[in-house]
Every structure is written in structure tokens, then in C-alpha cells.
PDB file of N, CA and C in Angstrom:
ATOM      1  N   MET A   1     134.566  69.112  84.901  1.00  0.00           N
ATOM      2  CA  MET A   1     136.244  68.818  84.561  1.00  0.00           C
ATOM      3  C   MET A   1     136.422  68.270  83.253  1.00  0.00           C
ATOM      4  N   LYS A   2     137.520  68.888  82.230  1.00  0.00           N
ATOM      5  CA  LYS A   2     137.755  68.719  81.111  1.00  0.00           C
ATOM      6  C   LYS A   2     138.791  67.612  80.967  1.00  0.00           C
ATOM      7  N   ALA A   3     138.911  66.849  79.917  1.00  0.00           N
ATOM      8  CA  ALA A   3     139.924  65.819  79.559  1.00  0.00           C
ATOM      9  C   ALA A   3     140.248  65.820  78.120  1.00  0.00           C
ATOM     10  N   ARG A   4     141.342  66.193  78.086  1.00  0.00           N
ATOM     11  CA  ARG A   4     141.899  66.728  76.627  1.00  0.00           C
ATOM     12  C   ARG A   4     142.735  65.491  76.257  1.00  0.00           C
ATOM     13  N   VAL A   5     142.284  64.348  74.957  1.00  0.00           N
ATOM     14  CA  VAL A   5     143.062  63.794  74.731  1.00  0.00           C
ATOM     15  C   VAL A   5     143.923  63.499  73.156  1.00  0.00           C
ATOM     16  N   HIS A   6     145.258  63.313  72.954  1.00  0.00           N
ATOM     17  CA  HIS A   6     145.636  63.630  71.828  1.00  0.00           C
ATOM     18  C   HIS A   6     146.065  61.816  71.486  1.00  0.00           C
ATOM     19  N   VAL A   7     145.876  61.402  70.273  1.00  0.00           N
ATOM     20  CA  VAL A   7     146.278  60.118  69.638  1.00  0.00           C
ATOM     21  C   VAL A   7     147.039  60.215  68.512  1.00  0.00           C
ATOM     22  N   THR A   8     148.079  59.510  68.579  1.00  0.00           N
ATOM     23  CA  THR A   8     149.154  59.544  67.432  1.00  0.00           C
ATOM     24  C   THR A   8     149.343  57.814  67.192  1.00  0.00           C
ATOM     25  N   LEU A   9     149.876  58.092  65.584  1.00  0.00           N
ATOM     26  CA  LEU A   9     150.642  56.775  65.555  1.00  0.00           C
ATOM     27  C   LEU A   9     151.952  56.440  65.921  1.00  0.00           C
ATOM     28  N   LYS A  10     152.364  55.405  66.501  1.00  0.00           N
ATOM     29  CA  LYS A  10     153.458  55.325  67.032  1.00  0.00           C
ATOM     30  C   LYS A  10     154.502  55.145  65.979  1.00  0.00           C
ATOM     31  N   THR A  11     155.641  55.437  66.688  1.00  0.00           N
ATOM     32  CA  THR A  11     156.628  55.592  65.195  1.00  0.00           C
ATOM     33  C   THR A  11     156.707  54.391  64.733  1.00  0.00           C
ATOM     34  N   GLY A  12     157.242  54.569  63.268  1.00  0.00           N
ATOM     35  CA  GLY A  12     157.143  53.345  62.428  1.00  0.00           C
ATOM     36  C   GLY A  12     155.768  52.603  62.043  1.00  0.00           C
ATOM     37  N   VAL A  13     154.964  53.123  62.635  1.00  0.00           N
ATOM     38  CA  VAL A  13     153.425  52.532  61.800  1.00  0.00           C
ATOM     39  C   VAL A  13     153.532  53.534  60.391  1.00  0.00           C
ATOM     40  N   LEU A  14     153.114  52.943  59.546  1.00  0.00           N
ATOM     41  CA  LEU A  14     152.746  53.962  58.402  1.00  0.00           C
ATOM     42  C   LEU A  14     151.715  55.006  58.365  1.00  0.00           C
ATOM     43  N   ASP A  15     151.787  55.959  57.945  1.00  0.00           N
ATOM     44  CA  ASP A  15     151.097  56.820  58.285  1.00  0.00           C
ATOM     45  C   ASP A  15     150.389  57.720  56.727  1.00  0.00           C
ATOM     46  N   PRO A  16     149.200  57.008  55.779  1.00  0.00           N
ATOM     47  CA  PRO A  16     148.987  57.374  54.826  1.00  0.00           C
ATOM     48  C   PRO A  16     148.437  58.569  54.596  1.00  0.00           C
ATOM     49  N   GLN A  17     147.473  59.056  55.985  1.00  0.00           N
ATOM     50  CA  GLN A  17     146.874  60.488  55.884  1.00  0.00           C
ATOM     51  C   GLN A  17     148.373  61.593  56.163  1.00  0.00           C
ATOM     52  N   GLY A  18     148.633  61.058  56.745  1.00  0.00           N
ATOM     53  CA  GLY A  18     150.063  62.042  57.080  1.00  0.00           C
ATOM     54  C   GLY A  18     150.748  62.445  55.661  1.00  0.00           C
ATOM     55  N   LYS A  19     151.123  61.210  54.608  1.00  0.00           N
ATOM     56  CA  LYS A  19     151.252  61.123  53.441  1.00  0.00           C
ATOM     57  C   LYS A  19     150.525  62.009  52.234  1.00  0.00           C
ATOM     58  N   ALA A  20     149.599  61.968  52.363  1.00  0.00           N
ATOM     59  CA  ALA A  20     148.711  62.308  51.804  1.00  0.00           C
ATOM     60  C   ALA A  20     149.111  64.316  51.993  1.00  0.00           C
ATOM     61  N   ILE A  21     148.676  64.740  53.511  1.00  0.00           N
ATOM     62  CA  ILE A  21     148.813  65.720  53.699  1.00  0.00           C
ATOM     63  C   ILE A  21     149.951  66.544  53.106  1.00  0.00           C
ATOM     64  N   GLN A  22     151.039  65.775  53.219  1.00  0.00           N
ATOM     65  CA  GLN A  22     152.354  66.300  52.799  1.00  0.00           C
ATOM     66  C   GLN A  22     152.444  66.613  51.203  1.00  0.00           C
ATOM     67  N   HIS A  23     151.793  65.450  50.729  1.00  0.00           N
ATOM     68  CA  HIS A  23     151.552  65.715  49.329  1.00  0.00           C
ATOM     69  C   HIS A  23     150.956  67.094  48.896  1.00  0.00           C
ATOM     70  N   ALA A  24     150.042  67.160  49.630  1.00  0.00           N
ATOM     71  CA  ALA A  24     148.840  68.255  49.051  1.00  0.00           C
ATOM     72  C   ALA A  24     149.419  69.678  49.694  1.00  0.00           C
ATOM     73  N   LEU A  25     150.277  69.533  50.806  1.00  0.00           N
ATOM     74  CA  LEU A  25     150.820  71.027  51.041  1.00  0.00           C
ATOM     75  C   LEU A  25     152.208  71.161  50.427  1.00  0.00           C
ATOM     76  N   ALA A  26     152.583  69.973  49.624  1.00  0.00           N
ATOM     77  CA  ALA A  26     153.561  70.187  48.276  1.00  0.00           C
ATOM     78  C   ALA A  26     153.235  70.730  47.131  1.00  0.00           C
ATOM     79  N   GLY A  27     152.173  70.474  46.981  1.00  0.00           N
ATOM     80  CA  GLY A  27     151.199  70.748  45.915  1.00  0.00           C
ATOM     81  C   GLY A  27     150.433  72.446  46.166  1.00  0.00           C
ATOM     82  N   LEU A  28     150.459  73.040  47.101  1.00  0.00           N
ATOM     83  CA  LEU A  28     150.236  74.483  47.357  1.00  0.00           C
ATOM     84  C   LEU A  28     151.206  74.984  47.622  1.00  0.00           C
ATOM     85  N   GLY A  29     152.692  74.532  47.399  1.00  0.00           N
ATOM     86  CA  GLY A  29     153.905  75.293  47.514  1.00  0.00           C
ATOM     87  C   GLY A  29     154.079  75.511  48.576  1.00  0.00           C
ATOM     88  N   PHE A  30     154.117  74.631  49.718  1.00  0.00           N
ATOM     89  CA  PHE A  30     154.682  74.619  51.073  1.00  0.00           C
ATOM     90  C   PHE A  30     156.016  73.755  51.019  1.00  0.00           C
ATOM     91  N   ALA A  31     157.125  74.228  50.743  1.00  0.00           N
ATOM     92  CA  ALA A  31     158.504  73.405  50.029  1.00  0.00           C
ATOM     93  C   ALA A  31     159.014  73.120  51.683  1.00  0.00           C
ATOM     94  N   GLY A  32     159.926  72.061  51.630  1.00  0.00           N
ATOM     95  CA  GLY A  32     160.209  71.796  52.711  1.00  0.00           C
ATOM     96  C   GLY A  32     160.274  71.037  53.675  1.00  0.00           C
ATOM     97  N   ILE A  33     159.036  70.134  53.815  1.00  0.00           N
ATOM     98  CA  ILE A  33     158.249  69.598  54.448  1.00  0.00           C
ATOM     99  C   ILE A  33     158.950  67.888  54.686  1.00  0.00           C
ATOM    100  N   GLU A  34     159.551  67.751  55.501  1.00  0.00           N
ATOM    101  CA  GLU A  34     159.906  66.309  55.021  1.00  0.00           C
ATOM    102  C   GLU A  34     158.913  65.312  55.567  1.00  0.00           C
ATOM    103  N   ALA A  35     158.359  65.595  56.366  1.00  0.00           N
ATOM    104  CA  ALA A  35     157.357  64.341  56.963  1.00  0.00           C
ATOM    105  C   ALA A  35     156.043  65.058  57.644  1.00  0.00           C
ATOM    106  N   VAL A  36     154.949  64.424  57.589  1.00  0.00           N
ATOM    107  CA  VAL A  36     153.803  64.414  58.066  1.00  0.00           C
ATOM    108  C   VAL A  36     153.235  63.710  58.847  1.00  0.00           C
ATOM    109  N   ARG A  37     152.933  63.655  60.265  1.00  0.00           N
ATOM    110  CA  ARG A  37     152.176  63.040  60.916  1.00  0.00           C
ATOM    111  C   ARG A  37     150.964  63.182  61.235  1.00  0.00           C
ATOM    112  N   GLN A  38     149.943  62.640  61.014  1.00  0.00           N
ATOM    113  CA  GLN A  38     148.635  63.079  61.832  1.00  0.00           C
ATOM    114  C   GLN A  38     147.893  62.607  62.698  1.00  0.00           C
ATOM    115  N   GLY A  39     147.256  63.144  63.663  1.00  0.00           N
ATOM    116  CA  GLY A  39     146.514  62.447  64.698  1.00  0.00           C
ATOM    117  C   GLY A  39     145.011  62.744  64.957  1.00  0.00           C
ATOM    118  N   LYS A  40     144.504  62.290  66.092  1.00  0.00           N
ATOM    119  CA  LYS A  40     143.263  62.918  66.551  1.00  0.00           C
ATOM    120  C   LYS A  40     143.288  63.620  67.895  1.00  0.00           C
ATOM    121  N   PHE A  41     142.543  64.432  68.173  1.00  0.00           N
ATOM    122  CA  PHE A  41     142.129  65.396  69.278  1.00  0.00           C
ATOM    123  C   PHE A  41     140.709  64.897  69.604  1.00  0.00           C
ATOM    124  N   ILE A  42     140.737  64.793  70.915  1.00  0.00           N
ATOM    125  CA  ILE A  42     139.436  64.449  71.664  1.00  0.00           C
ATOM    126  C   ILE A  42     139.216  65.071  72.985  1.00  0.00           C
ATOM    127  N   GLU A  43     138.036  65.784  72.937  1.00  0.00           N
ATOM    128  CA  GLU A  43     137.704  66.362  74.401  1.00  0.00           C
ATOM    129  C   GLU A  43     136.407  66.015  74.688  1.00  0.00           C
ATOM    130  N   ILE A  44     136.747  65.702  76.072  1.00  0.00           N
ATOM    131  CA  ILE A  44     135.566  64.879  77.108  1.00  0.00           C
ATOM    132  C   ILE A  44     135.000  65.692  78.307  1.00  0.00           C
ATOM    133  N   GLU A  45     134.221  66.488  78.331  1.00  0.00           N
ATOM    134  CA  GLU A  45     133.758  67.229  79.491  1.00  0.00           C
ATOM    135  C   GLU A  45     133.154  65.965  80.687  1.00  0.00           C
ATOM    136  N   LEU A  46     133.668  66.039  81.749  1.00  0.00           N
ATOM    137  CA  LEU A  46     133.330  64.979  83.059  1.00  0.00           C
ATOM    138  C   LEU A  46     132.609  65.538  83.960  1.00  0.00           C
ATOM    139  N   ARG A  47     132.315  64.886  84.871  1.00  0.00           N
ATOM    140  CA  ARG A  47     131.436  65.381  85.858  1.00  0.00           C
ATOM    141  C   ARG A  47     132.465  64.938  87.183  1.00  0.00           C
ATOM    142  N   ASP A  48     133.500  64.254  87.182  1.00  0.00           N
ATOM    143  CA  ASP A  48     134.242  63.903  88.037  1.00  0.00           C
ATOM    144  C   ASP A  48     135.219  65.163  89.137  1.00  0.00           C
ATOM    145  N   SER A  49     135.012  65.250  90.052  1.00  0.00           N
ATOM    146  CA  SER A  49     135.547  66.438  90.887  1.00  0.00           C
ATOM    147  C   SER A  49     137.192  66.065  91.088  1.00  0.00           C
ATOM    148  N   ASP A  50     137.470  64.743  91.251  1.00  0.00           N
ATOM    149  CA  ASP A  50     138.953  64.381  91.330  1.00  0.00           C
ATOM    150  C   ASP A  50     139.452  64.071  90.271  1.00  0.00           C
ATOM    151  N   PRO A  51     140.826  64.749  90.029  1.00  0.00           N
ATOM    152  CA  PRO A  51     141.583  64.785  89.119  1.00  0.00           C
ATOM    153  C   PRO A  51     142.041  63.108  88.584  1.00  0.00           C
ATOM    154  N   GLY A  52     142.276  62.528  89.638  1.00  0.00           N
ATOM    155  CA  GLY A  52     142.979  61.359  89.743  1.00  0.00           C
ATOM    156  C   GLY A  52     142.133  60.316  89.148  1.00  0.00           C
ATOM    157  N   GLU A  53     140.625  60.404  89.533  1.00  0.00           N
ATOM    158  CA  GLU A  53     139.504  59.397  89.443  1.00  0.00           C
ATOM    159  C   GLU A  53     139.171  59.594  87.864  1.00  0.00           C
ATOM    160  N   ALA A  54     139.516  60.968  87.398  1.00  0.00           N
ATOM    161  CA  ALA A  54     138.863  61.424  86.105  1.00  0.00           C
ATOM    162  C   ALA A  54     139.968  60.771  85.265  1.00  0.00           C
ATOM    163  N   ARG A  55     141.534  60.916  85.276  1.00  0.00           N
ATOM    164  CA  ARG A  55     142.458  60.449  84.761  1.00  0.00           C
ATOM    165  C   ARG A  55     142.271  58.838  84.395  1.00  0.00           C
ATOM    166  N   ARG A  56     141.952  58.231  85.562  1.00  0.00           N
ATOM    167  CA  ARG A  56     141.749  56.642  85.630  1.00  0.00           C
ATOM    168  C   ARG A  56     140.858  56.482  84.537  1.00  0.00           C
ATOM    169  N   ARG A  57     139.714  56.894  84.453  1.00  0.00           N
ATOM    170  CA  ARG A  57     138.352  56.461  83.620  1.00  0.00           C
ATOM    171  C   ARG A  57     138.566  57.287  82.283  1.00  0.00           C
ATOM    172  N   VAL A  58     139.358  58.435  82.305  1.00  0.00           N
ATOM    173  CA  VAL A  58     139.585  58.251  80.478  1.00  0.00           C
ATOM    174  C   VAL A  58     140.528  57.508  79.996  1.00  0.00           C
ATOM    175  N   GLU A  59     141.607  57.145  81.034  1.00  0.00           N
ATOM    176  CA  GLU A  59     142.367  56.091  80.654  1.00  0.00           C
ATOM    177  C   GLU A  59     141.692  54.859  80.265  1.00  0.00           C
ATOM    178  N   ALA A  60     140.757  54.650  80.832  1.00  0.00           N
ATOM    179  CA  ALA A  60     139.940  53.450  80.465  1.00  0.00           C
ATOM    180  C   ALA A  60     139.179  53.329  79.124  1.00  0.00           C
ATOM    181  N   MET A  61     138.735  54.608  78.738  1.00  0.00           N
ATOM    182  CA  MET A  61     137.981  54.718  77.830  1.00  0.00           C
ATOM    183  C   MET A  61     139.257  54.930  76.326  1.00  0.00           C
ATOM    184  N   CYS A  62     140.605  55.220  76.876  1.00  0.00           N
ATOM    185  CA  CYS A  62     141.232  54.865  75.495  1.00  0.00           C
ATOM    186  C   CYS A  62     141.978  53.922  75.414  1.00  0.00           C
ATOM    187  N   LYS A  63     142.032  53.079  76.583  1.00  0.00           N
ATOM    188  CA  LYS A  63     142.320  51.502  76.025  1.00  0.00           C
ATOM    189  C   LYS A  63     141.254  50.651  75.519  1.00  0.00           C
ATOM    190  N   ASP A  64     139.717  51.061  75.938  1.00  0.00           N
ATOM    191  CA  ASP A  64     138.428  50.364  75.321  1.00  0.00           C
ATOM    192  C   ASP A  64     138.419  50.995  73.828  1.00  0.00           C
ATOM    193  N   LEU A  65     138.176  52.360  73.413  1.00  0.00           N
ATOM    194  CA  LEU A  65     137.800  52.910  72.577  1.00  0.00           C
ATOM    195  C   LEU A  65     138.266  53.676  71.879  1.00  0.00           C
ATOM    196  N   LEU A  66     138.822  54.689  72.241  1.00  0.00           N
ATOM    197  CA  LEU A  66     139.615  56.197  71.686  1.00  0.00           C
ATOM    198  C   LEU A  66     140.878  55.691  70.914  1.00  0.00           C
ATOM    199  N   ALA A  67     141.538  54.787  71.419  1.00  0.00           N
ATOM    200  CA  ALA A  67     143.015  54.519  70.673  1.00  0.00           C
ATOM    201  C   ALA A  67     143.320  52.986  70.570  1.00  0.00           C
ATOM    202  N   ASN A  68     144.202  52.730  69.607  1.00  0.00           N
ATOM    203  CA  ASN A  68     144.582  51.323  69.232  1.00  0.00           C
ATOM    204  C   ASN A  68     145.773  51.351  69.977  1.00  0.00           C
ATOM    205  N   PRO A  69     146.057  50.686  71.209  1.00  0.00           N
ATOM    206  CA  PRO A  69     147.281  50.396  71.721  1.00  0.00           C
ATOM    207  C   PRO A  69     148.420  49.979  71.110  1.00  0.00           C
ATOM    208  N   VAL A  70     148.150  49.050  70.237  1.00  0.00           N
ATOM    209  CA  VAL A  70     148.738  48.403  69.504  1.00  0.00           C
ATOM    210  C   VAL A  70     149.894  49.094  68.026  1.00  0.00           C
ATOM    211  N   ILE A  71     148.696  50.290  67.641  1.00  0.00           N
ATOM    212  CA  ILE A  71     149.693  51.083  66.881  1.00  0.00           C
ATOM    213  C   ILE A  71     149.711  52.654  67.131  1.00  0.00           C
ATOM    214  N   GLU A  72     148.927  52.761  68.318  1.00  0.00           N
ATOM    215  CA  GLU A  72     148.454  54.470  68.935  1.00  0.00           C
ATOM    216  C   GLU A  72     149.099  54.485  69.852  1.00  0.00           C
ATOM    217  N   ASN A  73     149.570  55.728  70.342  1.00  0.00           N
ATOM    218  CA  ASN A  73     150.056  56.469  71.820  1.00  0.00           C
ATOM    219  C   ASN A  73     148.993  57.307  71.814  1.00  0.00           C
ATOM    220  N   TYR A  74     148.939  57.812  72.999  1.00  0.00           N
ATOM    221  CA  TYR A  74     147.840  58.421  73.576  1.00  0.00           C
ATOM    222  C   TYR A  74     148.130  59.184  74.700  1.00  0.00           C
ATOM    223  N   ALA A  75     148.033  60.642  74.661  1.00  0.00           N
ATOM    224  CA  ALA A  75     148.369  61.851  76.250  1.00  0.00           C
ATOM    225  C   ALA A  75     147.024  62.291  76.614  1.00  0.00           C
ATOM    226  N   ILE A  76     146.897  62.285  77.792  1.00  0.00           N
ATOM    227  CA  ILE A  76     145.890  62.943  78.564  1.00  0.00           C
ATOM    228  C   ILE A  76     146.154  63.859  78.878  1.00  0.00           C
ATOM    229  N   ASP A  77     145.405  64.928  79.202  1.00  0.00           N
ATOM    230  CA  ASP A  77     145.420  66.220  79.497  1.00  0.00           C
ATOM    231  C   ASP A  77     144.336  66.479  80.651  1.00  0.00           C
ATOM    232  N   ILE A  78     144.197  66.575  81.889  1.00  0.00           N
ATOM    233  CA  ILE A  78     142.945  66.918  82.779  1.00  0.00           C
ATOM    234  C   ILE A  78     143.020  68.184  83.205  1.00  0.00           C
ATOM    235  N   GLU A  79     141.862  68.677  82.783  1.00  0.00           N
ATOM    236  CA  GLU A  79     141.782  70.400  83.492  1.00  0.00           C
ATOM    237  C   GLU A  79     140.778  70.659  84.437  1.00  0.00           C
ATOM    238  N   ALA A  80     141.182  71.009  85.846  1.00  0.00           N
ATOM    239  CA  ALA A  80     140.079  70.916  86.364  1.00  0.00           C
ATOM    240  C   ALA A  80     138.866  72.199  86.228  1.00  0.00           C
ATOM    241  N   GLY A  81     137.605  72.046  86.478  1.00  0.00           N
ATOM    242  CA  GLY A  81     136.956  73.249  86.095  1.00  0.00           C
ATOM    243  C   GLY A  81     136.466  74.143  86.759  1.00  0.00           C
TER     244      GLY A  81
END
């Protein structure tokens, strides 16, 4: 089973890396970009056979390590293997 986790900053949280990407893109000639927000993508291979249990485990991983719930949102996709 495979879990995919997308972590992004919550709306209103400053994103200096996103701003740096936006400036770099403008410097490369990409015009019309109003804003860039960056995040992280984490892929986890699991031995679980129950998608519900896999989601519960990955949810705990997100709360304990993979995301900072104060400033970040996360979305979990579970794919049965």
C-alpha cells in the first residue's frame, strides 16, 4: 500500500520560499505570476492491507512529524497496491 502526503502552508502564513521562487521565475522571463506557494510531497510504502488502518497510521505520522499542524495543512491519498 502506498500513501502520498501533500503538505502546504496554511493561508495567511508567510511563504518566503514561495516568494523566492516567484522572483526567480520572473527573472527567467515568466511574466504574470501573481503568487507562488510551495509545499512538500512525501510518499510512504506501507505493509498495511486495510486502507482505513493505513490512513489512521499516516494521519498519526503527519500529526507527530510530517507536518506542523499549527502552520501547515496536509492531504493524504492512500493507494492500494
